[in-house]
Amino acid sequence: MAGGRATRMGGNVEKPMLQVAGKSMLRLVVETLRQIQTIDRIVVAGGSNTPDTTIEARTLGVEIFPTPGNGFEEDMRNTIRSLGLEDVLVISADLPLITPDIISEAITRYHKSGKPALAVMAKIESYQHLGTKPQHIFEIDGQRLAAVGLNIIDGRRISDKELDQEVFVVDSPEAILNVNNLQELELARKTLDAIKKGVSE
């Protein structure tokens, strides 16, 4: 999902095109997805208000599906229905630090659960520890959890009003740091720099 305009960021850069470690967030997410063998198709869903993102998607050699820009959930549902997708990993383009291990674990848990959906979530305390605030908070089994922007859905059930879902709780910065403001963009840049330095050392 790559239809964001980064209105809270100031400037004219489309949200998926914001740079982290010299690459667009969209490029970082696509490069991560390409490392996962069980993913056989990558589709960038974006609206007409993100032309630069469309150009970047073309340079990455991935499919592009134009969305009407009616909101995240409606655009997601429209994309899945229109393309006739089955098992679908839905990921936001504002998760630049997401790792293949986290995504692969989510896929494994989805298949093991036998449920038509899986939501990757984090405890509120994990966001507080990072110094950020979650966007969407849910009360699940007595816990206050936030959706991180990574879900798996059985596309054949996309028209169902409600789906029984597995919840996968994570706490690593790589999973929960989605970029919604300038502070989080700077934090993503610093965190990725620290990770790269740790690997090189």
N, C-alpha and C. Protein backbone atom coordinates (compact mmCIF):
# COMPACT_ATOMS: atom_id res chain seq x y z
N MET A 1 0.85 -1.17 0.00
CA MET A 1 0.00 0.00 0.00
C MET A 1 0.89 1.24 0.00
N ALA A 2 0.78 2.04 -1.09
CA ALA A 2 1.72 3.16 -1.25
C ALA A 2 1.02 4.40 -1.80
N GLY A 3 -0.07 4.77 -1.16
CA GLY A 3 -0.82 5.91 -1.67
C GLY A 3 -0.69 7.17 -0.85
N GLY A 4 0.24 7.18 0.12
CA GLY A 4 0.33 8.31 1.05
C GLY A 4 0.97 9.55 0.45
N ARG A 5 0.49 10.71 0.91
CA ARG A 5 1.01 11.98 0.42
C ARG A 5 1.94 12.67 1.42
N ALA A 6 2.13 12.13 2.62
CA ALA A 6 3.04 12.71 3.62
C ALA A 6 2.65 14.13 3.98
N THR A 7 1.35 14.36 4.18
CA THR A 7 0.88 15.71 4.47
C THR A 7 1.41 16.23 5.80
N ARG A 8 1.73 15.31 6.73
CA ARG A 8 2.25 15.75 8.04
C ARG A 8 3.75 15.99 8.02
N MET A 9 4.38 15.76 6.89
CA MET A 9 5.84 15.88 6.80
C MET A 9 6.29 17.26 6.33
N GLY A 10 5.38 18.01 5.70
CA GLY A 10 5.80 19.26 5.07
C GLY A 10 6.50 18.93 3.76
N GLY A 11 6.68 19.89 2.92
CA GLY A 11 7.35 19.64 1.64
C GLY A 11 6.42 18.95 0.67
N ASN A 12 6.98 18.56 -0.48
CA ASN A 12 6.17 17.99 -1.55
C ASN A 12 6.53 16.54 -1.89
N VAL A 13 7.32 15.91 -1.05
CA VAL A 13 7.73 14.53 -1.34
C VAL A 13 6.62 13.56 -0.96
N GLU A 14 6.29 12.64 -1.86
CA GLU A 14 5.30 11.62 -1.55
C GLU A 14 5.84 10.71 -0.46
N LYS A 15 4.96 10.26 0.42
CA LYS A 15 5.42 9.51 1.58
C LYS A 15 6.26 8.28 1.24
N PRO A 16 5.87 7.43 0.28
CA PRO A 16 6.70 6.25 -0.02
C PRO A 16 8.07 6.62 -0.59
N MET A 17 8.22 7.87 -1.03
CA MET A 17 9.47 8.31 -1.64
C MET A 17 10.42 8.96 -0.64
N LEU A 18 10.01 9.09 0.61
CA LEU A 18 10.90 9.64 1.63
C LEU A 18 12.13 8.74 1.76
N GLN A 19 13.28 9.36 1.93
CA GLN A 19 14.54 8.63 1.92
C GLN A 19 14.99 8.19 3.32
N VAL A 20 15.40 6.94 3.41
CA VAL A 20 16.02 6.38 4.61
C VAL A 20 17.27 5.64 4.15
N ALA A 21 18.42 6.05 4.64
CA ALA A 21 19.69 5.43 4.24
C ALA A 21 19.90 5.49 2.74
N GLY A 22 19.51 6.60 2.13
CA GLY A 22 19.77 6.80 0.71
C GLY A 22 18.83 6.09 -0.23
N LYS A 23 17.77 5.46 0.29
CA LYS A 23 16.80 4.77 -0.55
C LYS A 23 15.39 5.21 -0.16
N SER A 24 14.47 5.15 -1.13
CA SER A 24 13.08 5.45 -0.79
C SER A 24 12.53 4.35 0.11
N MET A 25 11.56 4.71 0.95
CA MET A 25 10.95 3.70 1.81
C MET A 25 10.32 2.60 0.97
N LEU A 26 9.72 2.96 -0.16
CA LEU A 26 9.13 1.95 -1.04
C LEU A 26 10.19 0.95 -1.50
N ARG A 27 11.35 1.44 -1.90
CA ARG A 27 12.42 0.57 -2.37
C ARG A 27 12.88 -0.38 -1.26
N LEU A 28 13.01 0.15 -0.04
CA LEU A 28 13.45 -0.68 1.08
C LEU A 28 12.47 -1.81 1.35
N VAL A 29 11.17 -1.49 1.30
CA VAL A 29 10.15 -2.53 1.55
C VAL A 29 10.16 -3.57 0.44
N VAL A 30 10.22 -3.13 -0.81
CA VAL A 30 10.23 -4.07 -1.94
C VAL A 30 11.46 -4.96 -1.89
N GLU A 31 12.62 -4.38 -1.58
CA GLU A 31 13.85 -5.19 -1.49
C GLU A 31 13.74 -6.25 -0.40
N THR A 32 13.08 -5.90 0.69
CA THR A 32 12.86 -6.88 1.77
C THR A 32 11.93 -8.00 1.31
N LEU A 33 10.83 -7.64 0.66
CA LEU A 33 9.88 -8.64 0.19
C LEU A 33 10.52 -9.61 -0.79
N ARG A 34 11.45 -9.12 -1.59
CA ARG A 34 12.10 -9.97 -2.60
C ARG A 34 13.02 -11.01 -1.98
N GLN A 35 13.32 -10.87 -0.72
CA GLN A 35 14.18 -11.85 -0.05
C GLN A 35 13.40 -13.04 0.49
N ILE A 36 12.07 -13.00 0.37
CA ILE A 36 11.22 -14.04 0.95
C ILE A 36 10.71 -14.96 -0.16
N GLN A 37 11.13 -16.20 -0.14
CA GLN A 37 10.85 -17.13 -1.23
C GLN A 37 9.36 -17.43 -1.40
N THR A 38 8.60 -17.36 -0.32
CA THR A 38 7.18 -17.71 -0.42
C THR A 38 6.34 -16.59 -1.02
N ILE A 39 6.92 -15.43 -1.24
CA ILE A 39 6.19 -14.33 -1.88
C ILE A 39 6.46 -14.41 -3.38
N ASP A 40 5.40 -14.63 -4.15
CA ASP A 40 5.60 -14.83 -5.59
C ASP A 40 5.10 -13.68 -6.46
N ARG A 41 4.56 -12.65 -5.83
CA ARG A 41 4.04 -11.52 -6.61
C ARG A 41 4.03 -10.27 -5.73
N ILE A 42 4.54 -9.17 -6.25
CA ILE A 42 4.54 -7.91 -5.51
C ILE A 42 3.76 -6.88 -6.31
N VAL A 43 2.75 -6.30 -5.69
CA VAL A 43 1.91 -5.29 -6.33
C VAL A 43 1.97 -4.01 -5.49
N VAL A 44 2.30 -2.90 -6.13
CA VAL A 44 2.28 -1.61 -5.45
C VAL A 44 0.95 -0.95 -5.76
N ALA A 45 0.15 -0.73 -4.71
CA ALA A 45 -1.16 -0.11 -4.87
C ALA A 45 -1.06 1.35 -4.47
N GLY A 46 -1.32 2.24 -5.42
CA GLY A 46 -1.21 3.67 -5.12
C GLY A 46 -2.16 4.46 -5.99
N GLY A 47 -2.41 5.69 -5.57
CA GLY A 47 -3.37 6.52 -6.28
C GLY A 47 -2.73 7.46 -7.28
N SER A 48 -3.59 8.20 -7.97
CA SER A 48 -3.12 9.14 -8.98
C SER A 48 -2.40 10.34 -8.35
N ASN A 49 -2.52 10.48 -7.03
CA ASN A 49 -1.85 11.60 -6.35
C ASN A 49 -0.42 11.27 -5.96
N THR A 50 0.08 10.10 -6.40
CA THR A 50 1.47 9.73 -6.08
C THR A 50 2.21 9.31 -7.36
N PRO A 51 2.38 10.23 -8.31
CA PRO A 51 3.02 9.86 -9.58
C PRO A 51 4.49 9.46 -9.42
N ASP A 52 5.21 10.09 -8.50
CA ASP A 52 6.62 9.73 -8.31
C ASP A 52 6.78 8.32 -7.77
N THR A 53 5.83 7.92 -6.92
CA THR A 53 5.84 6.56 -6.39
C THR A 53 5.61 5.55 -7.51
N THR A 54 4.73 5.90 -8.45
CA THR A 54 4.47 5.03 -9.60
C THR A 54 5.73 4.86 -10.44
N ILE A 55 6.44 5.95 -10.65
CA ILE A 55 7.70 5.88 -11.42
C ILE A 55 8.71 4.99 -10.70
N GLU A 56 8.83 5.16 -9.38
CA GLU A 56 9.76 4.34 -8.59
C GLU A 56 9.38 2.86 -8.68
N ALA A 57 8.09 2.57 -8.61
CA ALA A 57 7.63 1.18 -8.71
C ALA A 57 8.02 0.58 -10.06
N ARG A 58 7.90 1.39 -11.11
CA ARG A 58 8.29 0.90 -12.44
C ARG A 58 9.78 0.59 -12.49
N THR A 59 10.60 1.45 -11.90
CA THR A 59 12.05 1.20 -11.91
C THR A 59 12.39 -0.06 -11.11
N LEU A 60 11.55 -0.39 -10.14
CA LEU A 60 11.77 -1.59 -9.34
C LEU A 60 11.25 -2.85 -10.03
N GLY A 61 10.52 -2.66 -11.12
CA GLY A 61 10.03 -3.80 -11.89
C GLY A 61 8.91 -4.56 -11.22
N VAL A 62 8.09 -3.86 -10.42
CA VAL A 62 6.95 -4.53 -9.76
C VAL A 62 5.65 -4.07 -10.41
N GLU A 63 4.60 -4.84 -10.18
CA GLU A 63 3.29 -4.48 -10.71
C GLU A 63 2.77 -3.22 -10.02
N ILE A 64 1.98 -2.47 -10.74
CA ILE A 64 1.36 -1.27 -10.18
C ILE A 64 -0.15 -1.39 -10.36
N PHE A 65 -0.89 -1.14 -9.28
CA PHE A 65 -2.35 -1.15 -9.38
C PHE A 65 -2.86 0.22 -8.92
N PRO A 66 -3.49 0.99 -9.82
CA PRO A 66 -3.99 2.32 -9.44
C PRO A 66 -5.22 2.21 -8.54
N THR A 67 -5.20 2.91 -7.44
CA THR A 67 -6.32 2.90 -6.50
C THR A 67 -7.06 4.24 -6.57
N PRO A 68 -8.34 4.24 -6.21
CA PRO A 68 -9.12 5.49 -6.28
C PRO A 68 -8.78 6.50 -5.20
N GLY A 69 -8.02 6.07 -4.18
CA GLY A 69 -7.65 7.01 -3.11
C GLY A 69 -8.77 7.27 -2.14
N ASN A 70 -9.56 6.23 -1.84
CA ASN A 70 -10.70 6.38 -0.93
C ASN A 70 -10.37 5.99 0.51
N GLY A 71 -9.11 5.86 0.83
CA GLY A 71 -8.71 5.44 2.17
C GLY A 71 -8.03 4.09 2.12
N PHE A 72 -7.20 3.83 3.13
CA PHE A 72 -6.36 2.63 3.15
C PHE A 72 -7.19 1.36 3.00
N GLU A 73 -8.18 1.18 3.86
CA GLU A 73 -8.91 -0.09 3.86
C GLU A 73 -9.71 -0.30 2.59
N GLU A 74 -10.38 0.75 2.14
CA GLU A 74 -11.19 0.61 0.92
C GLU A 74 -10.30 0.34 -0.30
N ASP A 75 -9.17 1.05 -0.38
CA ASP A 75 -8.25 0.82 -1.50
C ASP A 75 -7.67 -0.59 -1.45
N MET A 76 -7.36 -1.07 -0.24
CA MET A 76 -6.84 -2.42 -0.08
C MET A 76 -7.86 -3.45 -0.56
N ARG A 77 -9.09 -3.31 -0.10
CA ARG A 77 -10.14 -4.26 -0.49
C ARG A 77 -10.37 -4.23 -2.00
N ASN A 78 -10.38 -3.04 -2.56
CA ASN A 78 -10.59 -2.89 -4.00
C ASN A 78 -9.48 -3.57 -4.80
N THR A 79 -8.24 -3.42 -4.33
CA THR A 79 -7.10 -4.03 -5.01
C THR A 79 -7.21 -5.56 -4.97
N ILE A 80 -7.48 -6.10 -3.80
CA ILE A 80 -7.57 -7.56 -3.64
C ILE A 80 -8.70 -8.14 -4.48
N ARG A 81 -9.86 -7.48 -4.45
CA ARG A 81 -11.00 -7.95 -5.24
C ARG A 81 -10.69 -7.88 -6.74
N SER A 82 -10.20 -6.74 -7.19
CA SER A 82 -9.98 -6.51 -8.61
C SER A 82 -8.95 -7.47 -9.20
N LEU A 83 -7.94 -7.82 -8.42
CA LEU A 83 -6.88 -8.70 -8.92
C LEU A 83 -7.16 -10.18 -8.63
N GLY A 84 -8.25 -10.44 -7.90
CA GLY A 84 -8.60 -11.83 -7.59
C GLY A 84 -7.54 -12.55 -6.78
N LEU A 85 -6.97 -11.84 -5.80
CA LEU A 85 -5.87 -12.41 -5.01
C LEU A 85 -6.38 -13.38 -3.96
N GLU A 86 -5.53 -14.34 -3.59
CA GLU A 86 -5.89 -15.32 -2.57
C GLU A 86 -5.19 -14.99 -1.26
N ASP A 87 -4.11 -15.67 -0.90
CA ASP A 87 -3.39 -15.30 0.33
C ASP A 87 -2.58 -14.03 0.06
N VAL A 88 -2.89 -12.97 0.78
CA VAL A 88 -2.30 -11.66 0.50
C VAL A 88 -1.61 -11.11 1.74
N LEU A 89 -0.34 -10.77 1.58
CA LEU A 89 0.38 -10.03 2.61
C LEU A 89 0.19 -8.55 2.29
N VAL A 90 -0.42 -7.82 3.20
CA VAL A 90 -0.63 -6.38 2.99
C VAL A 90 0.34 -5.63 3.87
N ILE A 91 1.18 -4.80 3.26
CA ILE A 91 2.18 -4.07 4.02
C ILE A 91 2.20 -2.61 3.59
N SER A 92 2.32 -1.72 4.55
CA SER A 92 2.41 -0.30 4.26
C SER A 92 3.82 0.06 3.79
N ALA A 93 3.90 1.03 2.91
CA ALA A 93 5.20 1.46 2.40
C ALA A 93 5.97 2.29 3.42
N ASP A 94 5.36 2.54 4.59
CA ASP A 94 6.05 3.37 5.60
C ASP A 94 6.69 2.53 6.71
N LEU A 95 7.07 1.28 6.36
CA LEU A 95 7.78 0.40 7.29
C LEU A 95 9.19 0.12 6.76
N PRO A 96 10.04 1.13 6.72
CA PRO A 96 11.34 0.98 6.05
C PRO A 96 12.31 0.03 6.71
N LEU A 97 12.08 -0.32 7.98
CA LEU A 97 13.03 -1.18 8.69
C LEU A 97 12.58 -2.63 8.78
N ILE A 98 11.42 -2.93 8.22
CA ILE A 98 10.88 -4.28 8.34
C ILE A 98 11.87 -5.30 7.77
N THR A 99 11.94 -6.46 8.42
CA THR A 99 12.93 -7.46 8.03
C THR A 99 12.28 -8.71 7.44
N PRO A 100 13.02 -9.46 6.64
CA PRO A 100 12.49 -10.73 6.10
C PRO A 100 12.09 -11.69 7.21
N ASP A 101 12.83 -11.71 8.32
CA ASP A 101 12.52 -12.65 9.40
C ASP A 101 11.15 -12.37 10.00
N ILE A 102 10.83 -11.10 10.22
CA ILE A 102 9.54 -10.74 10.80
C ILE A 102 8.41 -11.13 9.86
N ILE A 103 8.57 -10.81 8.59
CA ILE A 103 7.53 -11.14 7.61
C ILE A 103 7.37 -12.66 7.47
N SER A 104 8.48 -13.37 7.41
CA SER A 104 8.42 -14.83 7.27
C SER A 104 7.74 -15.48 8.47
N GLU A 105 8.01 -14.95 9.66
CA GLU A 105 7.36 -15.47 10.87
C GLU A 105 5.85 -15.22 10.82
N ALA A 106 5.46 -14.04 10.33
CA ALA A 106 4.03 -13.73 10.20
C ALA A 106 3.36 -14.70 9.23
N ILE A 107 4.02 -14.98 8.12
CA ILE A 107 3.47 -15.91 7.12
C ILE A 107 3.31 -17.31 7.72
N THR A 108 4.33 -17.76 8.45
CA THR A 108 4.28 -19.08 9.08
C THR A 108 3.12 -19.16 10.08
N ARG A 109 2.98 -18.13 10.90
CA ARG A 109 1.90 -18.12 11.91
C ARG A 109 0.53 -18.09 11.25
N TYR A 110 0.41 -17.36 10.16
CA TYR A 110 -0.86 -17.29 9.43
C TYR A 110 -1.27 -18.68 8.95
N HIS A 111 -0.36 -19.38 8.32
CA HIS A 111 -0.69 -20.71 7.79
C HIS A 111 -0.97 -21.72 8.90
N LYS A 112 -0.22 -21.64 9.99
CA LYS A 112 -0.43 -22.56 11.10
C LYS A 112 -1.76 -22.32 11.80
N SER A 113 -2.19 -21.06 11.83
CA SER A 113 -3.41 -20.71 12.58
C SER A 113 -4.67 -21.28 11.95
N GLY A 114 -4.68 -21.42 10.63
CA GLY A 114 -5.88 -21.87 9.93
C GLY A 114 -6.96 -20.81 9.86
N LYS A 115 -6.64 -19.60 10.31
CA LYS A 115 -7.62 -18.50 10.29
C LYS A 115 -7.48 -17.70 8.99
N PRO A 116 -8.55 -16.97 8.60
CA PRO A 116 -8.51 -16.24 7.33
C PRO A 116 -7.75 -14.91 7.39
N ALA A 117 -7.21 -14.56 8.55
CA ALA A 117 -6.49 -13.30 8.65
C ALA A 117 -5.48 -13.34 9.79
N LEU A 118 -4.43 -12.53 9.65
CA LEU A 118 -3.45 -12.34 10.71
C LEU A 118 -3.10 -10.87 10.77
N ALA A 119 -3.03 -10.34 11.98
CA ALA A 119 -2.63 -8.95 12.18
C ALA A 119 -1.36 -8.92 13.01
N VAL A 120 -0.36 -8.19 12.54
CA VAL A 120 0.86 -8.00 13.32
C VAL A 120 0.66 -6.75 14.18
N MET A 121 0.83 -6.92 15.49
CA MET A 121 0.57 -5.82 16.42
C MET A 121 1.69 -5.70 17.44
N ALA A 122 1.70 -4.58 18.15
CA ALA A 122 2.71 -4.34 19.18
C ALA A 122 2.04 -3.73 20.40
N LYS A 123 2.64 -3.98 21.57
CA LYS A 123 2.13 -3.38 22.79
C LYS A 123 2.41 -1.88 22.79
N ILE A 124 1.55 -1.13 23.43
CA ILE A 124 1.70 0.32 23.51
C ILE A 124 3.05 0.68 24.14
N GLU A 125 3.47 -0.13 25.11
CA GLU A 125 4.73 0.14 25.80
C GLU A 125 5.93 0.11 24.85
N SER A 126 5.83 -0.70 23.80
CA SER A 126 6.93 -0.77 22.83
C SER A 126 7.10 0.56 22.10
N TYR A 127 5.98 1.19 21.79
CA TYR A 127 6.03 2.50 21.13
C TYR A 127 6.57 3.56 22.10
N GLN A 128 6.11 3.49 23.34
CA GLN A 128 6.56 4.46 24.33
C GLN A 128 8.07 4.34 24.55
N HIS A 129 8.58 3.12 24.53
CA HIS A 129 10.01 2.89 24.69
C HIS A 129 10.80 3.53 23.55
N LEU A 130 10.22 3.49 22.35
CA LEU A 130 10.88 4.10 21.19
C LEU A 130 10.74 5.61 21.17
N GLY A 131 9.74 6.12 21.90
CA GLY A 131 9.49 7.55 21.88
C GLY A 131 8.53 7.97 20.78
N THR A 132 7.70 7.03 20.31
CA THR A 132 6.72 7.34 19.27
C THR A 132 5.31 6.99 19.77
N LYS A 133 4.33 7.36 18.96
CA LYS A 133 2.94 7.08 19.32
C LYS A 133 2.28 6.24 18.23
N PRO A 134 1.56 5.19 18.61
CA PRO A 134 0.88 4.36 17.61
C PRO A 134 -0.32 5.08 17.02
N GLN A 135 -0.70 4.67 15.82
CA GLN A 135 -1.81 5.31 15.12
C GLN A 135 -3.17 4.68 15.47
N HIS A 136 -3.23 3.36 15.45
CA HIS A 136 -4.51 2.67 15.65
C HIS A 136 -4.39 1.68 16.80
N ILE A 137 -5.14 1.92 17.88
CA ILE A 137 -5.06 1.11 19.09
C ILE A 137 -6.31 0.25 19.25
N PHE A 138 -6.10 -1.01 19.63
CA PHE A 138 -7.20 -1.95 19.81
C PHE A 138 -7.08 -2.61 21.18
N GLU A 139 -8.22 -2.99 21.73
CA GLU A 139 -8.27 -3.75 22.98
C GLU A 139 -8.50 -5.20 22.61
N ILE A 140 -7.48 -6.06 22.82
CA ILE A 140 -7.58 -7.46 22.44
C ILE A 140 -7.14 -8.33 23.61
N ASP A 141 -8.05 -9.17 24.08
CA ASP A 141 -7.76 -10.09 25.19
C ASP A 141 -7.14 -9.35 26.38
N GLY A 142 -7.69 -8.19 26.69
CA GLY A 142 -7.23 -7.43 27.85
C GLY A 142 -5.95 -6.65 27.64
N GLN A 143 -5.44 -6.66 26.42
CA GLN A 143 -4.22 -5.91 26.12
C GLN A 143 -4.52 -4.76 25.17
N ARG A 144 -3.84 -3.63 25.38
CA ARG A 144 -3.94 -2.52 24.43
C ARG A 144 -2.82 -2.70 23.41
N LEU A 145 -3.23 -2.99 22.16
CA LEU A 145 -2.28 -3.27 21.10
C LEU A 145 -2.48 -2.32 19.94
N ALA A 146 -1.39 -2.06 19.20
CA ALA A 146 -1.45 -1.19 18.03
C ALA A 146 -1.09 -1.98 16.78
N ALA A 147 -1.83 -1.73 15.71
CA ALA A 147 -1.52 -2.36 14.43
C ALA A 147 -0.28 -1.71 13.84
N VAL A 148 0.66 -2.52 13.37
CA VAL A 148 1.92 -1.97 12.86
C VAL A 148 1.89 -1.68 11.36
N GLY A 149 0.88 -2.17 10.66
CA GLY A 149 0.81 -1.94 9.22
C GLY A 149 1.21 -3.14 8.39
N LEU A 150 1.08 -4.33 8.98
CA LEU A 150 1.40 -5.58 8.30
C LEU A 150 0.31 -6.60 8.62
N ASN A 151 -0.38 -7.07 7.60
CA ASN A 151 -1.48 -8.02 7.77
C ASN A 151 -1.42 -9.09 6.69
N ILE A 152 -2.03 -10.22 6.97
CA ILE A 152 -2.20 -11.25 5.95
C ILE A 152 -3.67 -11.61 5.91
N ILE A 153 -4.20 -11.71 4.69
CA ILE A 153 -5.64 -11.91 4.52
C ILE A 153 -5.90 -12.95 3.44
N ASP A 154 -6.89 -13.78 3.67
CA ASP A 154 -7.38 -14.68 2.63
C ASP A 154 -8.27 -13.84 1.72
N GLY A 155 -7.74 -13.50 0.55
CA GLY A 155 -8.46 -12.61 -0.37
C GLY A 155 -9.79 -13.14 -0.81
N ARG A 156 -10.00 -14.46 -0.72
CA ARG A 156 -11.29 -15.03 -1.10
C ARG A 156 -12.38 -14.66 -0.10
N ARG A 157 -11.94 -14.14 1.08
CA ARG A 157 -12.90 -13.75 2.13
C ARG A 157 -12.96 -12.23 2.30
N ILE A 158 -12.43 -11.49 1.34
CA ILE A 158 -12.26 -10.05 1.51
C ILE A 158 -13.59 -9.30 1.64
N SER A 159 -14.67 -9.89 1.16
CA SER A 159 -15.97 -9.22 1.25
C SER A 159 -16.70 -9.52 2.55
N ASP A 160 -16.15 -10.44 3.36
CA ASP A 160 -16.76 -10.73 4.66
C ASP A 160 -16.67 -9.49 5.56
N LYS A 161 -17.71 -9.24 6.33
CA LYS A 161 -17.70 -8.06 7.21
C LYS A 161 -16.67 -8.19 8.32
N GLU A 162 -16.55 -9.39 8.87
CA GLU A 162 -15.56 -9.62 9.93
C GLU A 162 -14.84 -10.93 9.66
N LEU A 163 -13.56 -10.95 9.99
CA LEU A 163 -12.76 -12.16 9.82
C LEU A 163 -12.12 -12.53 11.15
N ASP A 164 -12.17 -13.82 11.46
CA ASP A 164 -11.45 -14.31 12.63
C ASP A 164 -9.96 -14.17 12.34
N GLN A 165 -9.22 -13.53 13.23
CA GLN A 165 -7.81 -13.30 12.91
C GLN A 165 -6.87 -13.75 14.03
N GLU A 166 -5.70 -14.20 13.59
CA GLU A 166 -4.60 -14.49 14.49
C GLU A 166 -3.89 -13.17 14.78
N VAL A 167 -3.41 -13.00 16.01
CA VAL A 167 -2.67 -11.79 16.37
C VAL A 167 -1.23 -12.18 16.68
N PHE A 168 -0.32 -11.57 16.00
CA PHE A 168 1.12 -11.80 16.17
C PHE A 168 1.71 -10.54 16.80
N VAL A 169 2.11 -10.64 18.07
CA VAL A 169 2.61 -9.48 18.81
C VAL A 169 4.13 -9.41 18.69
N VAL A 170 4.62 -8.27 18.24
CA VAL A 170 6.06 -8.04 18.07
C VAL A 170 6.49 -6.86 18.94
N ASP A 171 7.80 -6.76 19.18
CA ASP A 171 8.27 -5.60 19.96
C ASP A 171 9.56 -4.99 19.42
N SER A 172 10.06 -5.48 18.30
CA SER A 172 11.32 -4.95 17.78
C SER A 172 11.07 -3.63 17.03
N PRO A 173 12.01 -2.69 17.12
CA PRO A 173 11.88 -1.41 16.41
C PRO A 173 11.69 -1.60 14.91
N GLU A 174 12.31 -2.64 14.34
CA GLU A 174 12.20 -2.87 12.91
C GLU A 174 10.76 -3.13 12.48
N ALA A 175 9.98 -3.71 13.39
CA ALA A 175 8.60 -4.04 13.05
C ALA A 175 7.64 -2.90 13.34
N ILE A 176 7.91 -2.15 14.38
CA ILE A 176 6.89 -1.18 14.82
C ILE A 176 7.16 0.25 14.39
N LEU A 177 8.34 0.51 13.82
CA LEU A 177 8.64 1.89 13.46
C LEU A 177 8.10 2.22 12.07
N ASN A 178 6.84 2.66 12.04
CA ASN A 178 6.29 3.15 10.79
C ASN A 178 6.36 4.68 10.79
N VAL A 179 6.63 5.25 9.64
CA VAL A 179 6.96 6.67 9.54
C VAL A 179 5.72 7.48 9.22
N ASN A 180 5.26 8.24 10.21
CA ASN A 180 4.08 9.09 10.03
C ASN A 180 4.35 10.56 10.27
N ASN A 181 5.54 10.89 10.75
CA ASN A 181 5.89 12.29 10.97
C ASN A 181 7.40 12.45 10.87
N LEU A 182 7.87 13.68 10.94
CA LEU A 182 9.29 13.95 10.77
C LEU A 182 10.15 13.32 11.87
N GLN A 183 9.60 13.28 13.09
CA GLN A 183 10.34 12.68 14.21
C GLN A 183 10.59 11.19 13.93
N GLU A 184 9.56 10.50 13.43
CA GLU A 184 9.69 9.07 13.15
C GLU A 184 10.60 8.82 11.94
N LEU A 185 10.60 9.75 10.99
CA LEU A 185 11.50 9.63 9.85
C LEU A 185 12.95 9.72 10.31
N GLU A 186 13.24 10.67 11.18
CA GLU A 186 14.59 10.83 11.70
C GLU A 186 14.99 9.62 12.55
N LEU A 187 14.04 9.11 13.32
CA LEU A 187 14.30 7.94 14.15
C LEU A 187 14.60 6.72 13.28
N ALA A 188 13.85 6.56 12.18
CA ALA A 188 14.09 5.44 11.26
C ALA A 188 15.49 5.54 10.66
N ARG A 189 15.89 6.74 10.29
CA ARG A 189 17.22 6.94 9.72
C ARG A 189 18.31 6.58 10.73
N LYS A 190 18.16 7.05 11.96
CA LYS A 190 19.17 6.78 12.99
C LYS A 190 19.21 5.29 13.34
N THR A 191 18.03 4.67 13.43
CA THR A 191 17.97 3.25 13.79
C THR A 191 18.61 2.39 12.72
N LEU A 192 18.34 2.69 11.44
CA LEU A 192 18.93 1.90 10.36
C LEU A 192 20.44 2.11 10.31
N ASP A 193 20.89 3.33 10.55
CA ASP A 193 22.34 3.60 10.60
C ASP A 193 22.98 2.76 11.69
N ALA A 194 22.34 2.72 12.87
CA ALA A 194 22.89 1.95 14.01
C ALA A 194 22.93 0.47 13.69
N ILE A 195 21.89 -0.04 13.02
CA ILE A 195 21.84 -1.45 12.64
C ILE A 195 22.97 -1.77 11.66
N LYS A 196 23.17 -0.90 10.68
CA LYS A 196 24.23 -1.13 9.69
C LYS A 196 25.61 -1.10 10.33
N LYS A 197 25.82 -0.17 11.27
CA LYS A 197 27.10 -0.10 11.95
C LYS A 197 27.35 -1.35 12.77
N GLY A 198 26.29 -1.84 13.42
CA GLY A 198 26.41 -3.06 14.22
C GLY A 198 26.76 -4.26 13.36
N VAL A 199 26.20 -4.33 12.15
CA VAL A 199 26.49 -5.44 11.24
C VAL A 199 27.93 -5.36 10.76
N SER A 200 28.38 -4.16 10.41
CA SER A 200 29.73 -4.00 9.86
C SER A 200 30.80 -4.24 10.90
N GLU A 201 30.47 -3.98 12.17
CA GLU A 201 31.43 -4.19 13.25
C GLU A 201 31.46 -5.67 13.66
